[in-house]
Amino acid sequence: MRDCPGQRILTIEGSGKSGRIYTAEIRLGTLTEKGIIRMLQRLAASHLTPAEIIAASLPQNAMGYRPLLEPKISPSRISVGLMPCYVATVSPVEGEGAQMTLRPAAKMAPPRRWF
């Protein structure tokens, strides 16, 4: 993946009780911040029970809500999940910090309600 020396890479890592369970690299800018969060949530949800996925999908103020898929965002990393945890970090280019610069999300119409 690191064929271009000035290219910044987004590293995706999953870690659990037994250590690293998954790692991947993609070019920074391929996904928006929202896309990265959704990808990390999907990876973390693959380790949850159906009941935990439902509880994590409820609104934060709803009874029964559990923050199992809430993203934790800082300038250099995004993480989702407790155990296992999936983290996206940026590999810095020489002389630069590791701050994420993501492509903006595409403007879309608000989702339609189906009920």
Protein backbone atom coordinates (compact mmCIF):
# COMPACT_ATOMS: atom_id res chain seq x y z
CA MET A 1 0.00 0.00 0.00
CA ARG A 2 2.89 2.39 0.68
CA ASP A 3 3.97 2.70 -2.95
CA CYS A 4 3.84 6.51 -2.97
CA PRO A 5 6.24 8.03 -0.38
CA GLY A 6 4.21 11.21 0.28
CA GLN A 7 0.91 9.39 0.50
CA ARG A 8 -0.87 9.31 3.85
CA ILE A 9 -2.36 6.01 4.90
CA LEU A 10 -5.34 5.25 7.11
CA THR A 11 -4.60 2.19 9.22
CA ILE A 12 -7.54 0.18 10.55
CA GLU A 13 -6.77 -2.07 13.53
CA GLY A 14 -8.97 -4.31 15.59
CA SER A 15 -7.76 -5.50 18.97
CA GLY A 16 -9.34 -7.79 21.53
CA LYS A 17 -8.38 -9.67 24.65
CA SER A 18 -5.88 -11.82 22.77
CA GLY A 19 -4.21 -8.89 20.97
CA ARG A 20 -4.56 -7.67 17.39
CA ILE A 21 -7.36 -9.42 15.52
CA TYR A 22 -7.42 -7.38 12.32
CA THR A 23 -5.35 -4.83 10.42
CA ALA A 24 -5.80 -3.10 7.06
CA GLU A 25 -4.54 0.01 5.27
CA ILE A 26 -6.39 2.31 2.86
CA ARG A 27 -5.44 5.62 1.27
CA LEU A 28 -6.46 8.62 3.34
CA GLY A 29 -9.24 10.46 1.54
CA THR A 30 -10.87 7.33 0.14
CA LEU A 31 -13.59 7.54 2.82
CA THR A 32 -15.23 10.48 4.52
CA GLU A 33 -15.17 10.73 8.32
CA LYS A 34 -18.75 9.44 8.37
CA GLY A 35 -17.72 6.54 6.12
CA ILE A 36 -14.83 5.64 8.44
CA ILE A 37 -17.15 5.70 11.45
CA ARG A 38 -19.72 3.49 9.71
CA MET A 39 -17.02 1.02 8.68
CA LEU A 40 -15.65 0.83 12.25
CA GLN A 41 -19.19 0.41 13.62
CA ARG A 42 -19.83 -2.48 11.21
CA LEU A 43 -16.59 -4.16 12.25
CA ALA A 44 -17.38 -3.72 15.96
CA ALA A 45 -21.01 -4.85 15.50
CA SER A 46 -19.83 -8.15 14.02
CA HIS A 47 -18.82 -9.14 17.57
CA LEU A 48 -22.11 -8.13 19.23
CA THR A 49 -25.27 -10.10 19.84
CA PRO A 50 -28.48 -9.00 18.08
CA ALA A 51 -29.78 -7.60 21.40
CA GLU A 52 -26.60 -5.53 21.86
CA ILE A 53 -26.84 -4.18 18.30
CA ILE A 54 -30.44 -3.12 18.93
CA ALA A 55 -29.51 -1.45 22.25
CA ALA A 56 -26.61 0.39 20.57
CA SER A 57 -28.93 1.56 17.76
CA LEU A 58 -31.46 3.22 20.06
CA PRO A 59 -31.42 7.00 20.56
CA GLN A 60 -29.06 8.04 23.36
CA ASN A 61 -31.91 9.22 25.56
CA ALA A 62 -33.97 6.02 25.12
CA MET A 63 -34.35 3.47 27.88
CA GLY A 64 -32.12 0.49 27.16
CA TYR A 65 -29.57 2.44 25.09
CA ARG A 66 -25.98 1.16 25.32
CA PRO A 67 -23.02 3.09 23.84
CA LEU A 68 -21.38 0.00 22.34
CA LEU A 69 -20.98 1.54 18.88
CA GLU A 70 -20.41 5.19 19.78
CA PRO A 71 -17.36 6.63 18.01
CA LYS A 72 -14.61 8.34 19.99
CA ILE A 73 -13.03 10.97 17.76
CA SER A 74 -9.74 12.86 18.19
CA PRO A 75 -7.65 14.72 15.58
CA SER A 76 -5.49 11.68 14.86
CA ARG A 77 -7.77 8.69 15.49
CA ILE A 78 -11.32 7.38 15.51
CA SER A 79 -12.24 4.37 17.61
CA VAL A 80 -15.40 2.31 18.02
CA GLY A 81 -16.16 -0.56 20.37
CA LEU A 82 -15.09 -1.71 23.79
CA MET A 83 -13.73 -5.25 23.53
CA PRO A 84 -12.85 -5.75 20.76
CA CYS A 85 -12.07 -2.18 19.74
CA TYR A 86 -11.53 -1.01 16.16
CA VAL A 87 -9.33 2.05 15.60
CA ALA A 88 -8.54 4.12 12.50
CA THR A 89 -5.30 6.14 12.67
CA VAL A 90 -3.35 8.16 10.12
CA SER A 91 0.25 7.34 9.31
CA PRO A 92 2.01 10.73 9.15
CA VAL A 93 4.12 11.83 6.20
CA GLU A 94 7.70 12.88 7.02
CA GLY A 95 7.65 16.29 8.71
CA GLU A 96 3.88 16.34 9.25
CA GLY A 97 1.70 15.51 12.20
CA ALA A 98 -0.78 12.67 12.21
CA GLN A 99 -3.91 14.81 12.01
CA MET A 100 -6.66 13.45 9.78
CA THR A 101 -7.73 15.49 6.79
CA LEU A 102 -10.72 13.79 5.27
CA ARG A 103 -12.63 14.50 2.12
CA PRO A 104 -15.96 16.23 2.78
CA ALA A 105 -19.11 14.15 2.81
CA ALA A 106 -21.24 14.33 -0.30
CA LYS A 107 -24.34 16.49 0.07
CA MET A 108 -27.38 14.29 0.08
CA ALA A 109 -31.07 14.75 0.65
CA PRO A 110 -32.22 13.83 4.16
CA PRO A 111 -33.32 10.21 4.47
CA ARG A 112 -37.00 9.50 3.94
CA ARG A 113 -38.99 8.08 6.81
CA TRP A 114 -40.61 4.79 5.95
CA PHE A 115 -43.23 4.73 8.70
